[in-house]
Amino acid sequence: MAKYLAQIIVMGAQVVGRAFARALRQEYAASQAAAEARGRAGQQSAAASSLTGMTLQEAQQILNITTLTPEELQKNYEHLFKVNDKAVGGSFYLQSKVVRAKERLDEKLSIQTQDSQPKPPPEQKTSQPKPPPEQKTSQPKPPPEQKTSQPKPPPEQKTSQPKPPPEQKTSQPKPPPEQKQQTPET
C-alpha cells in the first residue's frame, strides 16, 4: 500500500514539474518576443532612464513639457534653472532635478534624431556581364587535395645541460671547547 502511495506522489510531482517547466519556457519566449518588439529605441530609452534615474514622464513633468521640442526644452530649462538657483534663494535639490530632467530629455531627443535619419539603402549587387561563350576557356579543375595523415614531427626536445655539481661545503672540524686547566693549588 505504501509503495503505491509513493508511486502516485512521484508521478504527481513529475507531472507538476513538467507543467512548471513548460510554463517557464513559454514565459521566457514571450518576454523575449516582447523585448524584440520594443526594438532598439526601447533599449536605448531604458538605458537612458537607468543612467539618469528618471523616466521620460518624470522629466517632462519637471520641465513642464507636453511636446518634446528642443526649443521648448531649452526655454523651460533655463527658466527653471535660474529660478532654483541657490544665490536667489532657490533649492539646490530642485535645481539638480531640473538638470537631470534636461539630460533625460536630451537623451530622448538624440535617440529620436538617430531613428529619424534615413538609413542608407542596402548595397545592391551589381551583376557583371558574363563573357561571351567564345572567350570562355575551360580549364580542368584540379582534383581536390586529399588530406593524408602524416605523422607529426616530434616536438623539439629540450637539451638539458648537465647540472654543475653542488658546491660542497668544506667543513673544518671545530676545535674542541677549551678546557680550563686546573692548576694544583698549594
Protein backbone atom coordinates (compact mmCIF):
# COMPACT_ATOMS: atom_id res chain seq x y z
CA MET A 1 0.00 0.00 0.00
CA ALA A 2 2.79 2.46 0.91
CA LYS A 3 4.61 1.56 -2.31
CA TYR A 4 1.61 2.58 -4.45
CA LEU A 5 1.16 5.77 -2.49
CA ALA A 6 4.83 6.68 -3.05
CA GLN A 7 4.49 5.98 -6.78
CA ILE A 8 1.41 8.21 -7.03
CA ILE A 9 3.22 11.04 -5.24
CA VAL A 10 6.28 10.71 -7.50
CA MET A 11 4.17 10.65 -10.67
CA GLY A 12 2.18 13.68 -9.50
CA ALA A 13 5.41 15.56 -8.78
CA GLN A 14 6.70 14.71 -12.26
CA VAL A 15 3.52 15.99 -13.93
CA VAL A 16 3.59 19.23 -11.93
CA GLY A 17 7.33 19.65 -12.64
CA ARG A 18 6.86 19.23 -16.39
CA ALA A 19 3.96 21.68 -16.42
CA PHE A 20 6.01 24.21 -14.47
CA ALA A 21 8.98 23.83 -16.84
CA ARG A 22 6.71 24.24 -19.89
CA ALA A 23 5.10 27.37 -18.41
CA LEU A 24 8.54 28.78 -17.61
CA ARG A 25 9.74 28.22 -21.20
CA GLN A 26 6.60 29.87 -22.57
CA GLU A 27 7.02 32.88 -20.30
CA TYR A 28 10.66 33.24 -21.30
CA ALA A 29 9.76 33.07 -25.00
CA ALA A 30 7.01 35.66 -24.52
CA SER A 31 9.35 38.05 -22.72
CA GLN A 32 11.96 37.65 -25.46
CA ALA A 33 9.33 38.37 -28.12
CA ALA A 34 8.16 41.47 -26.22
CA ALA A 35 11.71 42.73 -25.83
CA GLU A 36 12.32 42.20 -29.53
CA ALA A 37 9.11 44.06 -30.37
CA ARG A 38 10.18 47.06 -28.33
CA GLY A 39 13.23 47.20 -30.51
CA ARG A 40 16.35 49.24 -30.24
CA ALA A 41 14.68 52.51 -29.24
CA GLY A 42 13.15 50.82 -26.23
CA GLN A 43 16.52 49.51 -25.15
CA GLN A 44 18.13 52.91 -25.54
CA SER A 45 15.30 54.57 -23.65
CA ALA A 46 15.61 52.09 -20.81
CA ALA A 47 19.36 52.65 -20.71
CA ALA A 48 18.85 56.41 -20.55
CA SER A 49 16.33 56.02 -17.72
CA SER A 50 18.76 53.92 -15.75
CA LEU A 51 21.60 56.40 -16.25
CA THR A 52 19.67 59.48 -15.17
CA GLY A 53 17.48 57.68 -12.67
CA MET A 54 14.40 59.31 -14.16
CA THR A 55 11.67 58.21 -16.51
CA LEU A 56 10.65 60.21 -19.54
CA GLN A 57 7.32 61.14 -17.96
CA GLU A 58 9.02 62.42 -14.80
CA ALA A 59 11.37 64.56 -16.83
CA GLN A 60 8.50 66.02 -18.85
CA GLN A 61 6.59 66.86 -15.67
CA ILE A 62 9.59 68.53 -14.05
CA LEU A 63 10.26 70.75 -17.05
CA ASN A 64 6.53 71.21 -17.80
CA ILE A 65 6.83 69.99 -21.38
CA THR A 66 3.97 68.41 -23.31
CA THR A 67 5.59 68.17 -26.75
CA LEU A 68 9.23 67.32 -26.95
CA THR A 69 10.90 70.07 -28.97
CA PRO A 70 14.44 71.33 -28.45
CA GLU A 71 13.32 74.99 -28.30
CA GLU A 72 10.69 74.43 -25.61
CA LEU A 73 13.05 72.19 -23.68
CA GLN A 74 15.82 74.81 -23.62
CA LYS A 75 13.44 77.66 -22.73
CA ASN A 76 11.85 75.82 -19.79
CA TYR A 77 15.21 74.51 -18.59
CA GLU A 78 16.82 77.97 -18.48
CA HIS A 79 13.83 79.46 -16.65
CA LEU A 80 13.64 76.71 -14.01
CA PHE A 81 17.40 76.62 -13.56
CA LYS A 82 17.55 80.37 -12.86
CA VAL A 83 14.52 80.32 -10.55
CA ASN A 84 16.00 77.49 -8.45
CA ASP A 85 19.49 78.99 -8.22
CA LYS A 86 20.84 78.93 -4.68
CA ALA A 87 22.00 82.56 -5.00
CA VAL A 88 18.41 83.77 -5.41
CA GLY A 89 17.04 81.63 -2.60
CA GLY A 90 16.27 78.53 -4.65
CA SER A 91 16.85 74.89 -3.82
CA PHE A 92 19.95 73.07 -4.97
CA TYR A 93 17.95 69.81 -4.88
CA LEU A 94 15.31 71.15 -7.25
CA GLN A 95 17.97 72.65 -9.49
CA SER A 96 19.68 69.26 -9.76
CA LYS A 97 16.34 67.64 -10.61
CA VAL A 98 15.92 70.21 -13.41
CA VAL A 99 19.38 69.35 -14.75
CA ARG A 100 18.69 65.59 -14.64
CA ALA A 101 15.34 66.10 -16.37
CA LYS A 102 17.04 68.07 -19.15
CA GLU A 103 19.70 65.36 -19.55
CA ARG A 104 16.99 62.70 -19.81
CA LEU A 105 15.01 64.65 -22.40
CA ASP A 106 18.18 65.48 -24.36
CA GLU A 107 18.92 61.76 -24.48
CA LYS A 108 15.41 61.08 -25.78
CA LEU A 109 15.84 63.77 -28.46
CA SER A 110 19.14 62.27 -29.58
CA ILE A 111 17.51 58.83 -29.83
CA GLN A 112 14.69 60.30 -31.91
CA THR A 113 17.09 62.05 -34.28
CA GLN A 114 19.07 58.83 -34.74
CA ASP A 115 15.91 56.91 -35.54
CA SER A 116 14.55 59.57 -37.90
CA GLN A 117 17.70 59.75 -40.03
CA PRO A 118 17.17 57.81 -43.25
CA LYS A 119 19.05 54.60 -43.35
CA PRO A 120 21.30 54.12 -46.36
CA PRO A 121 19.84 51.66 -48.84
CA PRO A 122 21.41 48.22 -48.72
CA GLU A 123 24.13 47.71 -51.25
CA GLN A 124 22.80 46.20 -54.41
CA LYS A 125 24.73 43.51 -56.09
CA THR A 126 25.86 44.63 -59.46
CA SER A 127 25.82 41.82 -61.92
CA GLN A 128 28.72 41.90 -64.28
CA PRO A 129 28.02 40.79 -67.80
CA LYS A 130 29.15 37.32 -68.49
CA PRO A 131 31.85 36.95 -71.12
CA PRO A 132 30.68 35.67 -74.47
CA PRO A 133 30.92 31.92 -74.91
CA GLU A 134 33.78 32.31 -77.35
CA GLN A 135 36.03 33.80 -74.70
CA LYS A 136 35.39 31.13 -72.14
CA THR A 137 38.33 28.93 -71.57
CA SER A 138 37.57 25.71 -69.93
CA GLN A 139 40.35 24.62 -67.74
CA PRO A 140 40.04 21.35 -65.96
CA LYS A 141 39.61 21.78 -62.28
CA PRO A 142 42.44 20.38 -60.26
CA PRO A 143 41.45 17.37 -58.19
CA PRO A 144 40.61 18.24 -54.63
CA GLU A 145 43.50 17.87 -52.30
CA GLN A 146 43.29 14.84 -50.19
CA LYS A 147 44.36 15.02 -46.67
CA THR A 148 46.92 12.46 -45.86
CA SER A 149 47.69 11.59 -42.36
CA GLN A 150 51.33 12.28 -41.97
CA PRO A 151 52.93 11.73 -38.65
CA LYS A 152 53.63 14.91 -36.86
CA PRO A 153 57.25 15.70 -36.29
CA PRO A 154 58.29 15.03 -32.75
CA PRO A 155 58.25 18.08 -30.55
CA GLU A 156 61.55 19.76 -30.06
CA GLN A 157 63.36 18.15 -27.26
CA LYS A 158 64.94 20.36 -24.77
CA THR A 159 68.55 19.61 -24.38
CA SER A 160 69.35 19.51 -20.79
CA GLN A 161 72.80 20.50 -19.89
CA PRO A 162 74.36 18.63 -17.06
CA LYS A 163 73.89 20.43 -13.84
CA PRO A 164 77.06 21.52 -12.19
CA PRO A 165 77.80 19.55 -9.08
CA PRO A 166 76.52 21.23 -5.99
CA GLU A 167 79.08 23.18 -4.16
CA GLN A 168 80.49 21.11 -1.43
CA LYS A 169 80.87 22.80 1.82
CA THR A 170 84.11 22.05 3.35
CA SER A 171 83.59 21.77 6.97
CA GLN A 172 86.59 22.13 9.11
CA PRO A 173 86.47 20.36 12.35
CA LYS A 174 85.65 22.67 15.14
CA PRO A 175 88.26 22.90 17.76
CA PRO A 176 87.26 21.20 20.93
CA PRO A 177 85.99 23.53 23.57
CA GLU A 178 88.69 24.95 25.70
CA GLN A 179 89.12 23.19 28.91
CA LYS A 180 90.38 25.07 31.82
CA GLN A 181 93.43 23.53 33.14
CA GLN A 182 93.38 23.07 36.75
CA THR A 183 96.45 24.17 38.41
CA PRO A 184 97.30 22.46 41.62
CA GLU A 185 96.86 24.81 44.47
CA THR A 186 99.49 24.72 47.03
